[in-house]
Amino acid sequence: MQPQELTHVNVGMTVVDVDGAEAGAVTAVQQPGTDVRPDLAAGIAERLMGSGYLRVDGTGLLSNDVYASGDQISGTVEGRPGVVNLRVTRDELYRSES
């Protein structure tokens, strides 16, 4: 996904991984170059700030939020709710530290 395509992602969209498993719903979208630091380890957080990222409300009991970088997104499908398709499995997303 090109960084400018992050503009097609909206809060509330369903996130689906490369295997077709639902990863959760988008709760935040940050464009490349954002000053908003995700709740991730140093290094990873700064990389996502540079590439842009989505915060996803993880599915399942006791799930933490997860983050998808702009380059982990393969595309979007408009609808109600829309869908964000990933090019990775949900296990490959970055898990929140809290």
PDB file of N, CA and C in Angstrom:
ATOM      1  N   MET A   1       0.850  -1.182   0.000  1.00  0.00           N
ATOM      2  CA  MET A   1       0.000   0.000   0.000  1.00  0.00           C
ATOM      3  C   MET A   1       0.887   1.234   0.000  1.00  0.00           C
ATOM      4  N   GLN A   2       0.574   2.164  -0.857  1.00  0.00           N
ATOM      5  CA  GLN A   2       1.276   3.432  -0.863  1.00  0.00           C
ATOM      6  C   GLN A   2       0.801   4.255   0.328  1.00  0.00           C
ATOM      7  N   PRO A   3       1.694   5.044   0.975  1.00  0.00           N
ATOM      8  CA  PRO A   3       1.291   5.815   2.147  1.00  0.00           C
ATOM      9  C   PRO A   3       0.059   6.679   1.932  1.00  0.00           C
ATOM     10  N   GLN A   4      -0.110   7.278   0.754  1.00  0.00           N
ATOM     11  CA  GLN A   4      -1.269   8.130   0.534  1.00  0.00           C
ATOM     12  C   GLN A   4      -2.578   7.339   0.595  1.00  0.00           C
ATOM     13  N   GLU A   5      -2.523   6.021   0.419  1.00  0.00           N
ATOM     14  CA  GLU A   5      -3.725   5.195   0.481  1.00  0.00           C
ATOM     15  C   GLU A   5      -4.231   5.015   1.907  1.00  0.00           C
ATOM     16  N   LEU A   6      -3.431   5.346   2.912  1.00  0.00           N
ATOM     17  CA  LEU A   6      -3.919   5.319   4.284  1.00  0.00           C
ATOM     18  C   LEU A   6      -5.098   6.271   4.451  1.00  0.00           C
ATOM     19  N   THR A   7      -5.228   7.241   3.569  1.00  0.00           N
ATOM     20  CA  THR A   7      -6.349   8.171   3.654  1.00  0.00           C
ATOM     21  C   THR A   7      -7.675   7.468   3.385  1.00  0.00           C
ATOM     22  N   HIS A   8      -7.653   6.268   2.815  1.00  0.00           N
ATOM     23  CA  HIS A   8      -8.872   5.493   2.540  1.00  0.00           C
ATOM     24  C   HIS A   8      -9.304   4.653   3.736  1.00  0.00           C
ATOM     25  N   VAL A   9      -8.518   4.656   4.805  1.00  0.00           N
ATOM     26  CA  VAL A   9      -8.828   3.875   5.995  1.00  0.00           C
ATOM     27  C   VAL A   9      -9.509   4.779   7.013  1.00  0.00           C
ATOM     28  N   ASN A  10     -10.609   4.281   7.589  1.00  0.00           N
ATOM     29  CA  ASN A  10     -11.360   5.044   8.572  1.00  0.00           C
ATOM     30  C   ASN A  10     -11.563   4.234   9.841  1.00  0.00           C
ATOM     31  N   VAL A  11     -11.721   4.949  10.959  1.00  0.00           N
ATOM     32  CA  VAL A  11     -12.043   4.307  12.231  1.00  0.00           C
ATOM     33  C   VAL A  11     -13.336   3.513  12.054  1.00  0.00           C
ATOM     34  N   GLY A  12     -13.349   2.305  12.607  1.00  0.00           N
ATOM     35  CA  GLY A  12     -14.522   1.437  12.523  1.00  0.00           C
ATOM     36  C   GLY A  12     -14.429   0.375  11.444  1.00  0.00           C
ATOM     37  N   MET A  13     -13.492   0.523  10.503  1.00  0.00           N
ATOM     38  CA  MET A  13     -13.354  -0.491   9.457  1.00  0.00           C
ATOM     39  C   MET A  13     -12.885  -1.808  10.074  1.00  0.00           C
ATOM     40  N   THR A  14     -13.328  -2.920   9.506  1.00  0.00           N
ATOM     41  CA  THR A  14     -12.917  -4.245   9.936  1.00  0.00           C
ATOM     42  C   THR A  14     -11.562  -4.573   9.319  1.00  0.00           C
ATOM     43  N   VAL A  15     -10.672  -5.142  10.115  1.00  0.00           N
ATOM     44  CA  VAL A  15      -9.336  -5.511   9.638  1.00  0.00           C
ATOM     45  C   VAL A  15      -9.289  -7.033   9.489  1.00  0.00           C
ATOM     46  N   VAL A  16      -8.880  -7.490   8.299  1.00  0.00           N
ATOM     47  CA  VAL A  16      -8.824  -8.914   7.978  1.00  0.00           C
ATOM     48  C   VAL A  16      -7.406  -9.252   7.546  1.00  0.00           C
ATOM     49  N   ASP A  17      -6.862 -10.344   8.115  1.00  0.00           N
ATOM     50  CA  ASP A  17      -5.483 -10.697   7.775  1.00  0.00           C
ATOM     51  C   ASP A  17      -5.411 -11.472   6.470  1.00  0.00           C
ATOM     52  N   VAL A  18      -4.195 -11.813   6.057  1.00  0.00           N
ATOM     53  CA  VAL A  18      -3.948 -12.466   4.781  1.00  0.00           C
ATOM     54  C   VAL A  18      -4.623 -13.839   4.686  1.00  0.00           C
ATOM     55  N   ASP A  19      -4.897 -14.475   5.836  1.00  0.00           N
ATOM     56  CA  ASP A  19      -5.566 -15.772   5.858  1.00  0.00           C
ATOM     57  C   ASP A  19      -7.084 -15.658   5.921  1.00  0.00           C
ATOM     58  N   GLY A  20      -7.603 -14.419   5.952  1.00  0.00           N
ATOM     59  CA  GLY A  20      -9.038 -14.209   6.012  1.00  0.00           C
ATOM     60  C   GLY A  20      -9.599 -14.143   7.426  1.00  0.00           C
ATOM     61  N   ALA A  21      -8.724 -14.195   8.441  1.00  0.00           N
ATOM     62  CA  ALA A  21      -9.163 -14.120   9.839  1.00  0.00           C
ATOM     63  C   ALA A  21      -9.339 -12.661  10.238  1.00  0.00           C
ATOM     64  N   GLU A  22     -10.424 -12.374  10.972  1.00  0.00           N
ATOM     65  CA  GLU A  22     -10.655 -11.020  11.439  1.00  0.00           C
ATOM     66  C   GLU A  22      -9.669 -10.686  12.548  1.00  0.00           C
ATOM     67  N   ALA A  23      -8.989  -9.547  12.407  1.00  0.00           N
ATOM     68  CA  ALA A  23      -8.006  -9.112  13.402  1.00  0.00           C
ATOM     69  C   ALA A  23      -8.590  -8.087  14.364  1.00  0.00           C
ATOM     70  N   GLY A  24      -9.741  -7.495  14.043  1.00  0.00           N
ATOM     71  CA  GLY A  24     -10.360  -6.496  14.888  1.00  0.00           C
ATOM     72  C   GLY A  24     -10.883  -5.335  14.060  1.00  0.00           C
ATOM     73  N   ALA A  25     -11.063  -4.193  14.735  1.00  0.00           N
ATOM     74  CA  ALA A  25     -11.579  -2.991  14.077  1.00  0.00           C
ATOM     75  C   ALA A  25     -10.597  -1.842  14.260  1.00  0.00           C
ATOM     76  N   VAL A  26     -10.498  -1.000  13.255  1.00  0.00           N
ATOM     77  CA  VAL A  26      -9.612   0.166  13.310  1.00  0.00           C
ATOM     78  C   VAL A  26     -10.133   1.144  14.373  1.00  0.00           C
ATOM     79  N   THR A  27      -9.247   1.521  15.300  1.00  0.00           N
ATOM     80  CA  THR A  27      -9.610   2.502  16.320  1.00  0.00           C
ATOM     81  C   THR A  27      -8.850   3.817  16.151  1.00  0.00           C
ATOM     82  N   ALA A  28      -7.814   3.829  15.315  1.00  0.00           N
ATOM     83  CA  ALA A  28      -7.071   5.062  15.031  1.00  0.00           C
ATOM     84  C   ALA A  28      -6.282   4.890  13.742  1.00  0.00           C
ATOM     85  N   VAL A  29      -6.124   5.985  13.023  1.00  0.00           N
ATOM     86  CA  VAL A  29      -5.327   6.012  11.792  1.00  0.00           C
ATOM     87  C   VAL A  29      -4.347   7.167  11.925  1.00  0.00           C
ATOM     88  N   GLN A  30      -3.067   6.889  11.722  1.00  0.00           N
ATOM     89  CA  GLN A  30      -2.040   7.933  11.750  1.00  0.00           C
ATOM     90  C   GLN A  30      -1.292   7.913  10.429  1.00  0.00           C
ATOM     91  N   GLN A  31      -1.205   9.063   9.811  1.00  0.00           N
ATOM     92  CA  GLN A  31      -0.536   9.199   8.526  1.00  0.00           C
ATOM     93  C   GLN A  31       0.988   9.186   8.701  1.00  0.00           C
ATOM     94  N   PRO A  32       1.743   8.881   7.632  1.00  0.00           N
ATOM     95  CA  PRO A  32       3.203   8.903   7.722  1.00  0.00           C
ATOM     96  C   PRO A  32       3.716  10.244   8.254  1.00  0.00           C
ATOM     97  N   GLY A  33       4.729  10.170   9.114  1.00  0.00           N
ATOM     98  CA  GLY A  33       5.329  11.365   9.667  1.00  0.00           C
ATOM     99  C   GLY A  33       4.599  11.904  10.889  1.00  0.00           C
ATOM    100  N   THR A  34       3.681  11.140  11.442  1.00  0.00           N
ATOM    101  CA  THR A  34       2.914  11.585  12.599  1.00  0.00           C
ATOM    102  C   THR A  34       3.803  11.815  13.821  1.00  0.00           C
ATOM    103  N   ASP A  35       3.347  12.662  14.720  1.00  0.00           N
ATOM    104  CA  ASP A  35       4.013  12.861  16.005  1.00  0.00           C
ATOM    105  C   ASP A  35       3.370  12.007  17.098  1.00  0.00           C
ATOM    106  N   VAL A  36       2.320  11.264  16.746  1.00  0.00           N
ATOM    107  CA  VAL A  36       1.604  10.428  17.715  1.00  0.00           C
ATOM    108  C   VAL A  36       2.318   9.089  17.825  1.00  0.00           C
ATOM    109  N   ARG A  37       2.903   8.844  19.008  1.00  0.00           N
ATOM    110  CA  ARG A  37       3.704   7.636  19.222  1.00  0.00           C
ATOM    111  C   ARG A  37       2.810   6.482  19.648  1.00  0.00           C
ATOM    112  N   PRO A  38       2.871   5.340  18.928  1.00  0.00           N
ATOM    113  CA  PRO A  38       2.106   4.173  19.357  1.00  0.00           C
ATOM    114  C   PRO A  38       2.706   3.569  20.625  1.00  0.00           C
ATOM    115  N   ASP A  39       1.914   2.813  21.353  1.00  0.00           N
ATOM    116  CA  ASP A  39       2.335   2.184  22.603  1.00  0.00           C
ATOM    117  C   ASP A  39       3.125   0.908  22.287  1.00  0.00           C
ATOM    118  N   LEU A  40       4.317   1.119  21.728  1.00  0.00           N
ATOM    119  CA  LEU A  40       5.190   0.022  21.305  1.00  0.00           C
ATOM    120  C   LEU A  40       6.614   0.304  21.765  1.00  0.00           C
ATOM    121  N   ALA A  41       7.438  -0.708  21.690  1.00  0.00           N
ATOM    122  CA  ALA A  41       8.843  -0.567  22.071  1.00  0.00           C
ATOM    123  C   ALA A  41       9.546   0.459  21.194  1.00  0.00           C
ATOM    124  N   ALA A  42      10.556   1.106  21.790  1.00  0.00           N
ATOM    125  CA  ALA A  42      11.377   2.070  21.047  1.00  0.00           C
ATOM    126  C   ALA A  42      11.945   1.387  19.807  1.00  0.00           C
ATOM    127  N   GLY A  43      12.062   2.108  18.763  1.00  0.00           N
ATOM    128  CA  GLY A  43      12.549   1.573  17.493  1.00  0.00           C
ATOM    129  C   GLY A  43      11.367   1.189  16.612  1.00  0.00           C
ATOM    130  N   ILE A  44      10.539   0.276  17.096  1.00  0.00           N
ATOM    131  CA  ILE A  44       9.347  -0.125  16.342  1.00  0.00           C
ATOM    132  C   ILE A  44       8.377   1.060  16.280  1.00  0.00           C
ATOM    133  N   ALA A  45       8.171   1.732  17.412  1.00  0.00           N
ATOM    134  CA  ALA A  45       7.250   2.874  17.454  1.00  0.00           C
ATOM    135  C   ALA A  45       7.682   3.950  16.465  1.00  0.00           C
ATOM    136  N   GLU A  46       8.958   4.280  16.440  1.00  0.00           N
ATOM    137  CA  GLU A  46       9.450   5.323  15.546  1.00  0.00           C
ATOM    138  C   GLU A  46       9.322   4.909  14.077  1.00  0.00           C
ATOM    139  N   ARG A  47       9.531   3.631  13.787  1.00  0.00           N
ATOM    140  CA  ARG A  47       9.370   3.145  12.410  1.00  0.00           C
ATOM    141  C   ARG A  47       7.921   3.312  11.952  1.00  0.00           C
ATOM    142  N   LEU A  48       6.969   2.958  12.829  1.00  0.00           N
ATOM    143  CA  LEU A  48       5.565   3.103  12.473  1.00  0.00           C
ATOM    144  C   LEU A  48       5.167   4.568  12.332  1.00  0.00           C
ATOM    145  N   MET A  49       5.742   5.433  13.163  1.00  0.00           N
ATOM    146  CA  MET A  49       5.455   6.864  13.039  1.00  0.00           C
ATOM    147  C   MET A  49       5.895   7.378  11.669  1.00  0.00           C
ATOM    148  N   GLY A  50       6.994   6.851  11.162  1.00  0.00           N
ATOM    149  CA  GLY A  50       7.484   7.262   9.850  1.00  0.00           C
ATOM    150  C   GLY A  50       6.662   6.723   8.698  1.00  0.00           C
ATOM    151  N   SER A  51       6.162   5.477   8.835  1.00  0.00           N
ATOM    152  CA  SER A  51       5.435   4.840   7.736  1.00  0.00           C
ATOM    153  C   SER A  51       3.931   5.051   7.808  1.00  0.00           C
ATOM    154  N   GLY A  52       3.438   5.543   8.950  1.00  0.00           N
ATOM    155  CA  GLY A  52       1.998   5.604   9.168  1.00  0.00           C
ATOM    156  C   GLY A  52       1.537   4.267   9.719  1.00  0.00           C
ATOM    157  N   TYR A  53       0.424   4.283  10.454  1.00  0.00           N
ATOM    158  CA  TYR A  53      -0.039   3.029  11.058  1.00  0.00           C
ATOM    159  C   TYR A  53      -1.515   3.086  11.423  1.00  0.00           C
ATOM    160  N   LEU A  54      -2.054   1.915  11.671  1.00  0.00           N
ATOM    161  CA  LEU A  54      -3.412   1.747  12.173  1.00  0.00           C
ATOM    162  C   LEU A  54      -3.326   1.143  13.564  1.00  0.00           C
ATOM    163  N   ARG A  55      -4.182   1.599  14.473  1.00  0.00           N
ATOM    164  CA  ARG A  55      -4.351   0.906  15.755  1.00  0.00           C
ATOM    165  C   ARG A  55      -5.612   0.072  15.614  1.00  0.00           C
ATOM    166  N   VAL A  56      -5.502  -1.198  15.977  1.00  0.00           N
ATOM    167  CA  VAL A  56      -6.601  -2.144  15.814  1.00  0.00           C
ATOM    168  C   VAL A  56      -6.991  -2.681  17.178  1.00  0.00           C
ATOM    169  N   ASP A  57      -8.283  -2.607  17.492  1.00  0.00           N
ATOM    170  CA  ASP A  57      -8.813  -3.197  18.713  1.00  0.00           C
ATOM    171  C   ASP A  57      -8.778  -4.703  18.504  1.00  0.00           C
ATOM    172  N   GLY A  58      -7.865  -5.389  19.190  1.00  0.00           N
ATOM    173  CA  GLY A  58      -7.671  -6.816  18.993  1.00  0.00           C
ATOM    174  C   GLY A  58      -8.902  -7.626  19.328  1.00  0.00           C
ATOM    175  N   THR A  59      -9.067  -8.747  18.653  1.00  0.00           N
ATOM    176  CA  THR A  59     -10.198  -9.632  18.906  1.00  0.00           C
ATOM    177  C   THR A  59      -9.832 -10.637  19.983  1.00  0.00           C
ATOM    178  N   GLY A  60     -10.829 -11.170  20.631  1.00  0.00           N
ATOM    179  CA  GLY A  60     -10.612 -12.211  21.631  1.00  0.00           C
ATOM    180  C   GLY A  60     -10.519 -11.657  23.030  1.00  0.00           C
ATOM    181  N   LEU A  61     -10.845 -12.504  23.977  1.00  0.00           N
ATOM    182  CA  LEU A  61     -10.809 -12.136  25.381  1.00  0.00           C
ATOM    183  C   LEU A  61      -9.376 -11.803  25.784  1.00  0.00           C
ATOM    184  N   LEU A  62      -9.203 -10.756  26.549  1.00  0.00           N
ATOM    185  CA  LEU A  62      -7.911 -10.310  27.063  1.00  0.00           C
ATOM    186  C   LEU A  62      -6.942  -9.860  25.972  1.00  0.00           C
ATOM    187  N   SER A  63      -7.443  -9.473  24.809  1.00  0.00           N
ATOM    188  CA  SER A  63      -6.579  -9.011  23.721  1.00  0.00           C
ATOM    189  C   SER A  63      -6.150  -7.573  23.941  1.00  0.00           C
ATOM    190  N   ASN A  64      -4.896  -7.300  23.674  1.00  0.00           N
ATOM    191  CA  ASN A  64      -4.394  -5.933  23.646  1.00  0.00           C
ATOM    192  C   ASN A  64      -4.614  -5.374  22.246  1.00  0.00           C
ATOM    193  N   ASP A  65      -4.512  -4.049  22.144  1.00  0.00           N
ATOM    194  CA  ASP A  65      -4.531  -3.445  20.821  1.00  0.00           C
ATOM    195  C   ASP A  65      -3.309  -3.921  20.052  1.00  0.00           C
ATOM    196  N   VAL A  66      -3.445  -3.949  18.732  1.00  0.00           N
ATOM    197  CA  VAL A  66      -2.318  -4.253  17.864  1.00  0.00           C
ATOM    198  C   VAL A  66      -2.193  -3.122  16.852  1.00  0.00           C
ATOM    199  N   TYR A  67      -1.025  -3.034  16.235  1.00  0.00           N
ATOM    200  CA  TYR A  67      -0.747  -1.988  15.269  1.00  0.00           C
ATOM    201  C   TYR A  67      -0.309  -2.608  13.951  1.00  0.00           C
ATOM    202  N   ALA A  68      -0.804  -2.036  12.856  1.00  0.00           N
ATOM    203  CA  ALA A  68      -0.380  -2.436  11.516  1.00  0.00           C
ATOM    204  C   ALA A  68       0.309  -1.245  10.871  1.00  0.00           C
ATOM    205  N   SER A  69       1.508  -1.459  10.365  1.00  0.00           N
ATOM    206  CA  SER A  69       2.202  -0.387   9.649  1.00  0.00           C
ATOM    207  C   SER A  69       1.600  -0.250   8.258  1.00  0.00           C
ATOM    208  N   GLY A  70       1.822   0.897   7.659  1.00  0.00           N
ATOM    209  CA  GLY A  70       1.301   1.138   6.319  1.00  0.00           C
ATOM    210  C   GLY A  70       1.720   0.080   5.310  1.00  0.00           C
ATOM    211  N   ASP A  71       2.934  -0.470   5.462  1.00  0.00           N
ATOM    212  CA  ASP A  71       3.401  -1.471   4.504  1.00  0.00           C
ATOM    213  C   ASP A  71       2.848  -2.870   4.763  1.00  0.00           C
ATOM    214  N   GLN A  72       2.099  -3.064   5.850  1.00  0.00           N
ATOM    215  CA  GLN A  72       1.446  -4.351   6.118  1.00  0.00           C
ATOM    216  C   GLN A  72       0.028  -4.402   5.552  1.00  0.00           C
ATOM    217  N   ILE A  73      -0.416  -3.316   4.938  1.00  0.00           N
ATOM    218  CA  ILE A  73      -1.764  -3.212   4.410  1.00  0.00           C
ATOM    219  C   ILE A  73      -1.735  -3.441   2.904  1.00  0.00           C
ATOM    220  N   SER A  74      -2.583  -4.359   2.430  1.00  0.00           N
ATOM    221  CA  SER A  74      -2.602  -4.627   0.989  1.00  0.00           C
ATOM    222  C   SER A  74      -3.671  -3.835   0.262  1.00  0.00           C
ATOM    223  N   GLY A  75      -4.699  -3.381   0.968  1.00  0.00           N
ATOM    224  CA  GLY A  75      -5.742  -2.596   0.314  1.00  0.00           C
ATOM    225  C   GLY A  75      -6.964  -2.439   1.192  1.00  0.00           C
ATOM    226  N   THR A  76      -7.954  -1.739   0.652  1.00  0.00           N
ATOM    227  CA  THR A  76      -9.200  -1.515   1.383  1.00  0.00           C
ATOM    228  C   THR A  76     -10.376  -1.806   0.468  1.00  0.00           C
ATOM    229  N   VAL A  77     -11.517  -2.114   1.100  1.00  0.00           N
ATOM    230  CA  VAL A  77     -12.767  -2.326   0.378  1.00  0.00           C
ATOM    231  C   VAL A  77     -13.800  -1.417   1.032  1.00  0.00           C
ATOM    232  N   GLU A  78     -14.436  -0.569   0.250  1.00  0.00           N
ATOM    233  CA  GLU A  78     -15.446   0.322   0.802  1.00  0.00           C
ATOM    234  C   GLU A  78     -16.690  -0.466   1.165  1.00  0.00           C
ATOM    235  N   GLY A  79     -17.420   0.037   2.131  1.00  0.00           N
ATOM    236  CA  GLY A  79     -18.657  -0.603   2.565  1.00  0.00           C
ATOM    237  C   GLY A  79     -19.028  -0.106   3.936  1.00  0.00           C
ATOM    238  N   ARG A  80     -19.989  -0.765   4.561  1.00  0.00           N
ATOM    239  CA  ARG A  80     -20.444  -0.413   5.913  1.00  0.00           C
ATOM    240  C   ARG A  80     -20.430  -1.653   6.766  1.00  0.00           C
ATOM    241  N   PRO A  81     -19.443  -1.942   7.576  1.00  0.00           N
ATOM    242  CA  PRO A  81     -18.196  -1.181   7.611  1.00  0.00           C
ATOM    243  C   PRO A  81     -17.283  -1.600   6.467  1.00  0.00           C
ATOM    244  N   GLY A  82     -16.359  -0.756   6.146  1.00  0.00           N
ATOM    245  CA  GLY A  82     -15.370  -1.097   5.138  1.00  0.00           C
ATOM    246  C   GLY A  82     -14.403  -2.130   5.696  1.00  0.00           C
ATOM    247  N   VAL A  83     -13.537  -2.626   4.836  1.00  0.00           N
ATOM    248  CA  VAL A  83     -12.577  -3.657   5.218  1.00  0.00           C
ATOM    249  C   VAL A  83     -11.164  -3.207   4.850  1.00  0.00           C
ATOM    250  N   VAL A  84     -10.244  -3.438   5.774  1.00  0.00           N
ATOM    251  CA  VAL A  84      -8.822  -3.239   5.525  1.00  0.00           C
ATOM    252  C   VAL A  84      -8.215  -4.627   5.405  1.00  0.00           C
ATOM    253  N   ASN A  85      -7.617  -4.928   4.258  1.00  0.00           N
ATOM    254  CA  ASN A  85      -6.973  -6.222   4.043  1.00  0.00           C
ATOM    255  C   ASN A  85      -5.478  -6.098   4.319  1.00  0.00           C
ATOM    256  N   LEU A  86      -4.973  -7.060   5.088  1.00  0.00           N
ATOM    257  CA  LEU A  86      -3.552  -7.079   5.428  1.00  0.00           C
ATOM    258  C   LEU A  86      -2.795  -8.038   4.526  1.00  0.00           C
ATOM    259  N   ARG A  87      -1.505  -7.810   4.398  1.00  0.00           N
ATOM    260  CA  ARG A  87      -0.642  -8.733   3.657  1.00  0.00           C
ATOM    261  C   ARG A  87       0.122  -9.658   4.606  1.00  0.00           C
ATOM    262  N   VAL A  88      -0.238  -9.622   5.903  1.00  0.00           N
ATOM    263  CA  VAL A  88       0.396 -10.452   6.937  1.00  0.00           C
ATOM    264  C   VAL A  88      -0.694 -11.111   7.780  1.00  0.00           C
ATOM    265  N   THR A  89      -0.299 -12.091   8.610  1.00  0.00           N
ATOM    266  CA  THR A  89      -1.246 -12.684   9.546  1.00  0.00           C
ATOM    267  C   THR A  89      -1.395 -11.773  10.757  1.00  0.00           C
ATOM    268  N   ARG A  90      -2.473 -11.943  11.499  1.00  0.00           N
ATOM    269  CA  ARG A  90      -2.674 -11.085  12.675  1.00  0.00           C
ATOM    270  C   ARG A  90      -1.596 -11.307  13.721  1.00  0.00           C
ATOM    271  N   ASP A  91      -0.972 -12.497  13.737  1.00  0.00           N
ATOM    272  CA  ASP A  91       0.115 -12.761  14.676  1.00  0.00           C
ATOM    273  C   ASP A  91       1.370 -11.946  14.352  1.00  0.00           C
ATOM    274  N   GLU A  92       1.470 -11.426  13.136  1.00  0.00           N
ATOM    275  CA  GLU A  92       2.619 -10.629  12.721  1.00  0.00           C
ATOM    276  C   GLU A  92       2.441  -9.133  13.008  1.00  0.00           C
ATOM    277  N   LEU A  93       1.277  -8.738  13.516  1.00  0.00           N
ATOM    278  CA  LEU A  93       1.052  -7.341  13.857  1.00  0.00           C
ATOM    279  C   LEU A  93       1.789  -7.016  15.140  1.00  0.00           C
ATOM    280  N   TYR A  94       1.995  -5.746  15.382  1.00  0.00           N
ATOM    281  CA  TYR A  94       2.735  -5.300  16.565  1.00  0.00           C
ATOM    282  C   TYR A  94       1.784  -5.168  17.744  1.00  0.00           C
ATOM    283  N   ARG A  95       2.031  -5.912  18.822  1.00  0.00           N
ATOM    284  CA  ARG A  95       1.157  -5.929  19.984  1.00  0.00           C
ATOM    285  C   ARG A  95       1.510  -4.802  20.947  1.00  0.00           C
ATOM    286  N   SER A  96       0.476  -4.122  21.433  1.00  0.00           N
ATOM    287  CA  SER A  96       0.637  -3.031  22.396  1.00  0.00           C
ATOM    288  C   SER A  96       1.322  -3.524  23.656  1.00  0.00           C
ATOM    289  N   GLU A  97       2.097  -2.626  24.276  1.00  0.00           N
ATOM    290  CA  GLU A  97       2.809  -2.989  25.501  1.00  0.00           C
ATOM    291  C   GLU A  97       1.920  -2.930  26.738  1.00  0.00           C
ATOM    292  N   SER A  98       0.739  -2.297  26.635  1.00  0.00           N
ATOM    293  CA  SER A  98      -0.111  -2.215  27.831  1.00  0.00           C
ATOM    294  C   SER A  98      -1.402  -2.973  27.670  1.00  0.00           C
TER     295      SER A  98
END
